[in-house]
Amino acid sequence: DDDEAYLVSCGVAPARVEEADCLLARGLFATLPGGPLAWDADDACDDVLAAAAARGLPLVVANPDLVRPDGRASPMPGRLMARYVTRF
């Protein structure tokens, strides 16, 4: 819920991948102009990742966890990073 406020507090603003300088993997949502995109499956963000890779954008991972601390199987930023590095 606070992803956009977090970005603004860092002095940056969400941008479409076509205009972005990098990708930031911080949580379970992609904050995009027009609203967040929930990552509910491994391939949910593939369009964004493919477009970013085509532009050579770096992926900054603020939390490299692959699974939640409570062990629940939910997508974590580390899984997104692994997918970006291995698929794109």
PDB file of N, CA and C in Angstrom:
ATOM      1  N   ASP A   1       0.802  -1.204   0.000  1.00  0.00           N
ATOM      2  CA  ASP A   1       0.000   0.000   0.000  1.00  0.00           C
ATOM      3  C   ASP A   1       0.843   1.266   0.000  1.00  0.00           C
ATOM      4  N   ASP A   2       2.049   1.173   0.529  1.00  0.00           N
ATOM      5  CA  ASP A   2       2.874   2.368   0.658  1.00  0.00           C
ATOM      6  C   ASP A   2       3.979   2.453  -0.385  1.00  0.00           C
ATOM      7  N   ASP A   3       3.926   1.622  -1.419  1.00  0.00           N
ATOM      8  CA  ASP A   3       5.020   1.607  -2.389  1.00  0.00           C
ATOM      9  C   ASP A   3       5.228   2.942  -3.085  1.00  0.00           C
ATOM     10  N   GLU A   4       4.166   3.573  -3.534  1.00  0.00           N
ATOM     11  CA  GLU A   4       4.330   4.856  -4.224  1.00  0.00           C
ATOM     12  C   GLU A   4       4.862   5.918  -3.264  1.00  0.00           C
ATOM     13  N   ALA A   5       4.346   5.954  -2.032  1.00  0.00           N
ATOM     14  CA  ALA A   5       4.843   6.917  -1.043  1.00  0.00           C
ATOM     15  C   ALA A   5       6.320   6.662  -0.737  1.00  0.00           C
ATOM     16  N   TYR A   6       6.711   5.407  -0.675  1.00  0.00           N
ATOM     17  CA  TYR A   6       8.113   5.049  -0.442  1.00  0.00           C
ATOM     18  C   TYR A   6       8.995   5.596  -1.563  1.00  0.00           C
ATOM     19  N   LEU A   7       8.568   5.398  -2.797  1.00  0.00           N
ATOM     20  CA  LEU A   7       9.348   5.903  -3.931  1.00  0.00           C
ATOM     21  C   LEU A   7       9.484   7.416  -3.886  1.00  0.00           C
ATOM     22  N   VAL A   8       8.387   8.101  -3.618  1.00  0.00           N
ATOM     23  CA  VAL A   8       8.411   9.566  -3.553  1.00  0.00           C
ATOM     24  C   VAL A   8       9.353  10.022  -2.441  1.00  0.00           C
ATOM     25  N   SER A   9       9.338   9.310  -1.299  1.00  0.00           N
ATOM     26  CA  SER A   9      10.229   9.692  -0.201  1.00  0.00           C
ATOM     27  C   SER A   9      11.699   9.510  -0.569  1.00  0.00           C
ATOM     28  N   CYS A  10      11.971   8.673  -1.564  1.00  0.00           N
ATOM     29  CA  CYS A  10      13.347   8.462  -2.055  1.00  0.00           C
ATOM     30  C   CYS A  10      13.712   9.435  -3.170  1.00  0.00           C
ATOM     31  N   GLY A  11      12.750  10.272  -3.558  1.00  0.00           N
ATOM     32  CA  GLY A  11      13.013  11.256  -4.604  1.00  0.00           C
ATOM     33  C   GLY A  11      12.811  10.733  -6.008  1.00  0.00           C
ATOM     34  N   VAL A  12      12.110   9.617  -6.148  1.00  0.00           N
ATOM     35  CA  VAL A  12      11.830   9.055  -7.471  1.00  0.00           C
ATOM     36  C   VAL A  12      10.328   8.854  -7.630  1.00  0.00           C
ATOM     37  N   ALA A  13       9.915   8.656  -8.850  1.00  0.00           N
ATOM     38  CA  ALA A  13       8.501   8.438  -9.129  1.00  0.00           C
ATOM     39  C   ALA A  13       8.356   7.210 -10.019  1.00  0.00           C
ATOM     40  N   PRO A  14       7.264   6.485  -9.854  1.00  0.00           N
ATOM     41  CA  PRO A  14       7.045   5.341 -10.749  1.00  0.00           C
ATOM     42  C   PRO A  14       6.919   5.812 -12.190  1.00  0.00           C
ATOM     43  N   ALA A  15       7.409   4.990 -13.096  1.00  0.00           N
ATOM     44  CA  ALA A  15       7.335   5.310 -14.520  1.00  0.00           C
ATOM     45  C   ALA A  15       7.056   4.032 -15.300  1.00  0.00           C
ATOM     46  N   ARG A  16       6.495   4.184 -16.456  1.00  0.00           N
ATOM     47  CA  ARG A  16       6.295   3.036 -17.339  1.00  0.00           C
ATOM     48  C   ARG A  16       7.663   2.503 -17.731  1.00  0.00           C
ATOM     49  N   VAL A  17       7.765   1.229 -17.996  1.00  0.00           N
ATOM     50  CA  VAL A  17       9.050   0.604 -18.302  1.00  0.00           C
ATOM     51  C   VAL A  17       9.719   1.278 -19.505  1.00  0.00           C
ATOM     52  N   GLU A  18       8.934   1.810 -20.425  1.00  0.00           N
ATOM     53  CA  GLU A  18       9.489   2.496 -21.596  1.00  0.00           C
ATOM     54  C   GLU A  18      10.212   3.792 -21.232  1.00  0.00           C
ATOM     55  N   GLU A  19       9.932   4.328 -20.050  1.00  0.00           N
ATOM     56  CA  GLU A  19      10.522   5.592 -19.607  1.00  0.00           C
ATOM     57  C   GLU A  19      11.415   5.427 -18.383  1.00  0.00           C
ATOM     58  N   ALA A  20      11.508   4.224 -17.847  1.00  0.00           N
ATOM     59  CA  ALA A  20      12.199   3.988 -16.575  1.00  0.00           C
ATOM     60  C   ALA A  20      13.718   3.978 -16.745  1.00  0.00           C
ATOM     61  N   ASP A  21      14.403   4.276 -15.646  1.00  0.00           N
ATOM     62  CA  ASP A  21      15.860   4.176 -15.589  1.00  0.00           C
ATOM     63  C   ASP A  21      16.300   2.824 -15.036  1.00  0.00           C
ATOM     64  N   CYS A  22      15.414   2.184 -14.262  1.00  0.00           N
ATOM     65  CA  CYS A  22      15.712   0.880 -13.676  1.00  0.00           C
ATOM     66  C   CYS A  22      14.404   0.269 -13.183  1.00  0.00           C
ATOM     67  N   LEU A  23      14.489  -0.980 -12.755  1.00  0.00           N
ATOM     68  CA  LEU A  23      13.383  -1.640 -12.074  1.00  0.00           C
ATOM     69  C   LEU A  23      13.768  -1.761 -10.613  1.00  0.00           C
ATOM     70  N   LEU A  24      12.801  -1.625  -9.714  1.00  0.00           N
ATOM     71  CA  LEU A  24      13.031  -1.789  -8.283  1.00  0.00           C
ATOM     72  C   LEU A  24      12.145  -2.919  -7.787  1.00  0.00           C
ATOM     73  N   ALA A  25      12.764  -3.976  -7.283  1.00  0.00           N
ATOM     74  CA  ALA A  25      12.018  -5.082  -6.682  1.00  0.00           C
ATOM     75  C   ALA A  25      12.063  -4.900  -5.174  1.00  0.00           C
ATOM     76  N   ARG A  26      10.947  -4.445  -4.634  1.00  0.00           N
ATOM     77  CA  ARG A  26      10.873  -4.149  -3.210  1.00  0.00           C
ATOM     78  C   ARG A  26       9.846  -5.013  -2.505  1.00  0.00           C
ATOM     79  N   GLY A  27       8.768  -5.315  -3.186  1.00  0.00           N
ATOM     80  CA  GLY A  27       7.679  -6.059  -2.564  1.00  0.00           C
ATOM     81  C   GLY A  27       6.964  -6.910  -3.594  1.00  0.00           C
ATOM     82  N   LEU A  28       5.696  -7.164  -3.349  1.00  0.00           N
ATOM     83  CA  LEU A  28       4.925  -8.082  -4.172  1.00  0.00           C
ATOM     84  C   LEU A  28       4.125  -7.409  -5.271  1.00  0.00           C
ATOM     85  N   PHE A  29       4.260  -6.123  -5.429  1.00  0.00           N
ATOM     86  CA  PHE A  29       3.485  -5.410  -6.427  1.00  0.00           C
ATOM     87  C   PHE A  29       4.401  -4.601  -7.327  1.00  0.00           C
ATOM     88  N   ALA A  30       3.982  -4.413  -8.553  1.00  0.00           N
ATOM     89  CA  ALA A  30       4.668  -3.496  -9.460  1.00  0.00           C
ATOM     90  C   ALA A  30       3.878  -2.198  -9.419  1.00  0.00           C
ATOM     91  N   THR A  31       4.509  -1.137  -8.975  1.00  0.00           N
ATOM     92  CA  THR A  31       3.835   0.152  -8.928  1.00  0.00           C
ATOM     93  C   THR A  31       4.030   0.819 -10.279  1.00  0.00           C
ATOM     94  N   LEU A  32       2.941   0.946 -10.998  1.00  0.00           N
ATOM     95  CA  LEU A  32       2.974   1.508 -12.334  1.00  0.00           C
ATOM     96  C   LEU A  32       2.034   2.693 -12.415  1.00  0.00           C
ATOM     97  N   PRO A  33       2.298   3.638 -13.299  1.00  0.00           N
ATOM     98  CA  PRO A  33       1.309   4.685 -13.511  1.00  0.00           C
ATOM     99  C   PRO A  33      -0.034   4.030 -13.847  1.00  0.00           C
ATOM    100  N   GLY A  34      -1.064   4.437 -13.170  1.00  0.00           N
ATOM    101  CA  GLY A  34      -2.377   3.838 -13.385  1.00  0.00           C
ATOM    102  C   GLY A  34      -2.721   2.776 -12.361  1.00  0.00           C
ATOM    103  N   GLY A  35      -1.781   2.418 -11.501  1.00  0.00           N
ATOM    104  CA  GLY A  35      -2.094   1.474 -10.441  1.00  0.00           C
ATOM    105  C   GLY A  35      -1.138   0.308 -10.379  1.00  0.00           C
ATOM    106  N   PRO A  36      -1.189  -0.424  -9.273  1.00  0.00           N
ATOM    107  CA  PRO A  36      -0.268  -1.536  -9.077  1.00  0.00           C
ATOM    108  C   PRO A  36      -0.688  -2.776  -9.854  1.00  0.00           C
ATOM    109  N   LEU A  37       0.274  -3.611 -10.132  1.00  0.00           N
ATOM    110  CA  LEU A  37       0.068  -4.896 -10.776  1.00  0.00           C
ATOM    111  C   LEU A  37       0.462  -5.962  -9.767  1.00  0.00           C
ATOM    112  N   ALA A  38      -0.494  -6.768  -9.333  1.00  0.00           N
ATOM    113  CA  ALA A  38      -0.183  -7.828  -8.375  1.00  0.00           C
ATOM    114  C   ALA A  38       0.546  -8.955  -9.079  1.00  0.00           C
ATOM    115  N   TRP A  39       1.594  -9.444  -8.450  1.00  0.00           N
ATOM    116  CA  TRP A  39       2.336 -10.571  -8.992  1.00  0.00           C
ATOM    117  C   TRP A  39       1.837 -11.818  -8.294  1.00  0.00           C
ATOM    118  N   ASP A  40       0.897 -12.501  -8.941  1.00  0.00           N
ATOM    119  CA  ASP A  40       0.277 -13.665  -8.323  1.00  0.00           C
ATOM    120  C   ASP A  40       0.688 -14.973  -8.974  1.00  0.00           C
ATOM    121  N   ALA A  41       1.564 -14.905  -9.955  1.00  0.00           N
ATOM    122  CA  ALA A  41       2.103 -16.094 -10.616  1.00  0.00           C
ATOM    123  C   ALA A  41       3.475 -15.736 -11.157  1.00  0.00           C
ATOM    124  N   ASP A  42       4.333 -16.730 -11.339  1.00  0.00           N
ATOM    125  CA  ASP A  42       5.697 -16.446 -11.778  1.00  0.00           C
ATOM    126  C   ASP A  42       5.766 -15.678 -13.084  1.00  0.00           C
ATOM    127  N   ASP A  43       4.787 -15.881 -13.967  1.00  0.00           N
ATOM    128  CA  ASP A  43       4.844 -15.203 -15.263  1.00  0.00           C
ATOM    129  C   ASP A  43       4.018 -13.919 -15.328  1.00  0.00           C
ATOM    130  N   ALA A  44       3.489 -13.465 -14.206  1.00  0.00           N
ATOM    131  CA  ALA A  44       2.598 -12.304 -14.194  1.00  0.00           C
ATOM    132  C   ALA A  44       3.277 -11.024 -14.673  1.00  0.00           C
ATOM    133  N   CYS A  45       4.567 -10.890 -14.438  1.00  0.00           N
ATOM    134  CA  CYS A  45       5.295  -9.669 -14.805  1.00  0.00           C
ATOM    135  C   CYS A  45       6.190  -9.869 -16.017  1.00  0.00           C
ATOM    136  N   ASP A  46       6.041 -10.966 -16.735  1.00  0.00           N
ATOM    137  CA  ASP A  46       6.945 -11.248 -17.846  1.00  0.00           C
ATOM    138  C   ASP A  46       6.946 -10.167 -18.916  1.00  0.00           C
ATOM    139  N   ASP A  47       5.813  -9.568 -19.204  1.00  0.00           N
ATOM    140  CA  ASP A  47       5.781  -8.496 -20.206  1.00  0.00           C
ATOM    141  C   ASP A  47       6.648  -7.320 -19.769  1.00  0.00           C
ATOM    142  N   VAL A  48       6.542  -6.955 -18.498  1.00  0.00           N
ATOM    143  CA  VAL A  48       7.348  -5.851 -17.968  1.00  0.00           C
ATOM    144  C   VAL A  48       8.820  -6.244 -17.952  1.00  0.00           C
ATOM    145  N   LEU A  49       9.118  -7.458 -17.499  1.00  0.00           N
ATOM    146  CA  LEU A  49      10.512  -7.898 -17.439  1.00  0.00           C
ATOM    147  C   LEU A  49      11.133  -7.975 -18.831  1.00  0.00           C
ATOM    148  N   ALA A  50      10.388  -8.488 -19.802  1.00  0.00           N
ATOM    149  CA  ALA A  50      10.907  -8.588 -21.168  1.00  0.00           C
ATOM    150  C   ALA A  50      11.187  -7.202 -21.751  1.00  0.00           C
ATOM    151  N   ALA A  51      10.285  -6.267 -21.526  1.00  0.00           N
ATOM    152  CA  ALA A  51      10.480  -4.902 -22.031  1.00  0.00           C
ATOM    153  C   ALA A  51      11.680  -4.245 -21.356  1.00  0.00           C
ATOM    154  N   ALA A  52      11.841  -4.481 -20.059  1.00  0.00           N
ATOM    155  CA  ALA A  52      12.986  -3.921 -19.338  1.00  0.00           C
ATOM    156  C   ALA A  52      14.293  -4.528 -19.835  1.00  0.00           C
ATOM    157  N   ALA A  53      14.298  -5.834 -20.039  1.00  0.00           N
ATOM    158  CA  ALA A  53      15.504  -6.500 -20.525  1.00  0.00           C
ATOM    159  C   ALA A  53      15.871  -6.021 -21.926  1.00  0.00           C
ATOM    160  N   ALA A  54      14.867  -5.812 -22.759  1.00  0.00           N
ATOM    161  CA  ALA A  54      15.123  -5.320 -24.119  1.00  0.00           C
ATOM    162  C   ALA A  54      15.790  -3.952 -24.093  1.00  0.00           C
ATOM    163  N   ARG A  55      15.492  -3.171 -23.055  1.00  0.00           N
ATOM    164  CA  ARG A  55      16.112  -1.847 -22.907  1.00  0.00           C
ATOM    165  C   ARG A  55      17.404  -1.904 -22.107  1.00  0.00           C
ATOM    166  N   GLY A  56      17.755  -3.083 -21.580  1.00  0.00           N
ATOM    167  CA  GLY A  56      18.969  -3.226 -20.790  1.00  0.00           C
ATOM    168  C   GLY A  56      18.886  -2.589 -19.414  1.00  0.00           C
ATOM    169  N   LEU A  57      17.680  -2.494 -18.854  1.00  0.00           N
ATOM    170  CA  LEU A  57      17.512  -1.858 -17.551  1.00  0.00           C
ATOM    171  C   LEU A  57      18.026  -2.745 -16.428  1.00  0.00           C
ATOM    172  N   PRO A  58      18.719  -2.155 -15.468  1.00  0.00           N
ATOM    173  CA  PRO A  58      19.124  -2.934 -14.301  1.00  0.00           C
ATOM    174  C   PRO A  58      17.926  -3.161 -13.379  1.00  0.00           C
ATOM    175  N   LEU A  59      17.984  -4.243 -12.623  1.00  0.00           N
ATOM    176  CA  LEU A  59      16.974  -4.542 -11.618  1.00  0.00           C
ATOM    177  C   LEU A  59      17.614  -4.378 -10.256  1.00  0.00           C
ATOM    178  N   VAL A  60      17.125  -3.437  -9.472  1.00  0.00           N
ATOM    179  CA  VAL A  60      17.606  -3.191  -8.122  1.00  0.00           C
ATOM    180  C   VAL A  60      16.699  -3.976  -7.183  1.00  0.00           C
ATOM    181  N   VAL A  61      17.292  -4.855  -6.372  1.00  0.00           N
ATOM    182  CA  VAL A  61      16.510  -5.718  -5.484  1.00  0.00           C
ATOM    183  C   VAL A  61      16.718  -5.241  -4.050  1.00  0.00           C
ATOM    184  N   ALA A  62      15.654  -4.698  -3.456  1.00  0.00           N
ATOM    185  CA  ALA A  62      15.731  -4.179  -2.096  1.00  0.00           C
ATOM    186  C   ALA A  62      15.595  -5.290  -1.056  1.00  0.00           C
ATOM    187  N   ASN A  63      15.075  -6.437  -1.464  1.00  0.00           N
ATOM    188  CA  ASN A  63      14.876  -7.559  -0.558  1.00  0.00           C
ATOM    189  C   ASN A  63      15.085  -8.832  -1.370  1.00  0.00           C
ATOM    190  N   PRO A  64      16.228  -9.505  -1.227  1.00  0.00           N
ATOM    191  CA  PRO A  64      16.519 -10.659  -2.067  1.00  0.00           C
ATOM    192  C   PRO A  64      15.859 -11.971  -1.631  1.00  0.00           C
ATOM    193  N   ASP A  65      14.952 -11.916  -0.655  1.00  0.00           N
ATOM    194  CA  ASP A  65      14.304 -13.148  -0.182  1.00  0.00           C
ATOM    195  C   ASP A  65      13.589 -13.866  -1.313  1.00  0.00           C
ATOM    196  N   LEU A  66      13.682 -15.198  -1.283  1.00  0.00           N
ATOM    197  CA  LEU A  66      12.979 -16.037  -2.251  1.00  0.00           C
ATOM    198  C   LEU A  66      11.634 -16.495  -1.707  1.00  0.00           C
ATOM    199  N   VAL A  67      11.524 -16.636  -0.390  1.00  0.00           N
ATOM    200  CA  VAL A  67      10.275 -17.030   0.261  1.00  0.00           C
ATOM    201  C   VAL A  67      10.043 -16.102   1.448  1.00  0.00           C
ATOM    202  N   ARG A  68       8.810 -16.057   1.878  1.00  0.00           N
ATOM    203  CA  ARG A  68       8.466 -15.227   3.029  1.00  0.00           C
ATOM    204  C   ARG A  68       9.098 -15.791   4.297  1.00  0.00           C
ATOM    205  N   PRO A  69       9.404 -14.950   5.268  1.00  0.00           N
ATOM    206  CA  PRO A  69       9.975 -15.448   6.526  1.00  0.00           C
ATOM    207  C   PRO A  69       9.086 -16.486   7.217  1.00  0.00           C
ATOM    208  N   ASP A  70       7.780 -16.379   7.006  1.00  0.00           N
ATOM    209  CA  ASP A  70       6.877 -17.347   7.636  1.00  0.00           C
ATOM    210  C   ASP A  70       6.763 -18.637   6.824  1.00  0.00           C
ATOM    211  N   GLY A  71       7.513 -18.729   5.715  1.00  0.00           N
ATOM    212  CA  GLY A  71       7.533 -19.940   4.916  1.00  0.00           C
ATOM    213  C   GLY A  71       6.425 -20.062   3.895  1.00  0.00           C
ATOM    214  N   ARG A  72       5.486 -19.117   3.903  1.00  0.00           N
ATOM    215  CA  ARG A  72       4.408 -19.175   2.916  1.00  0.00           C
ATOM    216  C   ARG A  72       4.982 -19.001   1.524  1.00  0.00           C
ATOM    217  N   ALA A  73       4.420 -19.721   0.594  1.00  0.00           N
ATOM    218  CA  ALA A  73       4.882 -19.657  -0.796  1.00  0.00           C
ATOM    219  C   ALA A  73       4.216 -18.487  -1.500  1.00  0.00           C
ATOM    220  N   SER A  74       4.827 -17.367  -1.439  1.00  0.00           N
ATOM    221  CA  SER A  74       4.320 -16.205  -2.164  1.00  0.00           C
ATOM    222  C   SER A  74       5.490 -15.586  -2.909  1.00  0.00           C
ATOM    223  N   PRO A  75       5.205 -14.899  -3.981  1.00  0.00           N
ATOM    224  CA  PRO A  75       6.303 -14.306  -4.749  1.00  0.00           C
ATOM    225  C   PRO A  75       7.039 -13.241  -3.940  1.00  0.00           C
ATOM    226  N   MET A  76       8.332 -13.352  -3.924  1.00  0.00           N
ATOM    227  CA  MET A  76       9.173 -12.400  -3.215  1.00  0.00           C
ATOM    228  C   MET A  76      10.122 -11.750  -4.213  1.00  0.00           C
ATOM    229  N   PRO A  77      10.684 -10.590  -3.879  1.00  0.00           N
ATOM    230  CA  PRO A  77      11.560  -9.886  -4.809  1.00  0.00           C
ATOM    231  C   PRO A  77      12.717 -10.737  -5.322  1.00  0.00           C
ATOM    232  N   GLY A  78      13.266 -11.612  -4.506  1.00  0.00           N
ATOM    233  CA  GLY A  78      14.353 -12.465  -4.952  1.00  0.00           C
ATOM    234  C   GLY A  78      13.934 -13.410  -6.069  1.00  0.00           C
ATOM    235  N   ARG A  79      12.693 -13.879  -6.017  1.00  0.00           N
ATOM    236  CA  ARG A  79      12.183 -14.735  -7.096  1.00  0.00           C
ATOM    237  C   ARG A  79      12.041 -13.943  -8.381  1.00  0.00           C
ATOM    238  N   LEU A  80      11.596 -12.701  -8.261  1.00  0.00           N
ATOM    239  CA  LEU A  80      11.475 -11.847  -9.446  1.00  0.00           C
ATOM    240  C   LEU A  80      12.860 -11.619 -10.062  1.00  0.00           C
ATOM    241  N   MET A  81      13.844 -11.355  -9.218  1.00  0.00           N
ATOM    242  CA  MET A  81      15.215 -11.149  -9.696  1.00  0.00           C
ATOM    243  C   MET A  81      15.733 -12.402 -10.387  1.00  0.00           C
ATOM    244  N   ALA A  82      15.529 -13.564  -9.783  1.00  0.00           N
ATOM    245  CA  ALA A  82      16.006 -14.811 -10.391  1.00  0.00           C
ATOM    246  C   ALA A  82      15.361 -15.026 -11.757  1.00  0.00           C
ATOM    247  N   ARG A  83      14.090 -14.700 -11.870  1.00  0.00           N
ATOM    248  CA  ARG A  83      13.400 -14.861 -13.151  1.00  0.00           C
ATOM    249  C   ARG A  83      13.979 -13.895 -14.193  1.00  0.00           C
ATOM    250  N   TYR A  84      14.205 -12.660 -13.787  1.00  0.00           N
ATOM    251  CA  TYR A  84      14.753 -11.649 -14.703  1.00  0.00           C
ATOM    252  C   TYR A  84      16.128 -12.073 -15.224  1.00  0.00           C
ATOM    253  N   VAL A  85      16.969 -12.558 -14.326  1.00  0.00           N
ATOM    254  CA  VAL A  85      18.335 -12.930 -14.681  1.00  0.00           C
ATOM    255  C   VAL A  85      18.368 -14.189 -15.547  1.00  0.00           C
ATOM    256  N   THR A  86      17.530 -15.157 -15.246  1.00  0.00           N
ATOM    257  CA  THR A  86      17.614 -16.437 -15.962  1.00  0.00           C
ATOM    258  C   THR A  86      16.774 -16.482 -17.233  1.00  0.00           C
ATOM    259  N   ARG A  87      15.694 -15.732 -17.310  1.00  0.00           N
ATOM    260  CA  ARG A  87      14.815 -15.808 -18.488  1.00  0.00           C
ATOM    261  C   ARG A  87      15.048 -14.684 -19.482  1.00  0.00           C
ATOM    262  N   PHE A  88      15.533 -13.556 -19.003  1.00  0.00           N
ATOM    263  CA  PHE A  88      15.609 -12.401 -19.891  1.00  0.00           C
ATOM    264  C   PHE A  88      17.043 -11.893 -19.963  1.00  0.00           C
TER     265      PHE A  88
END
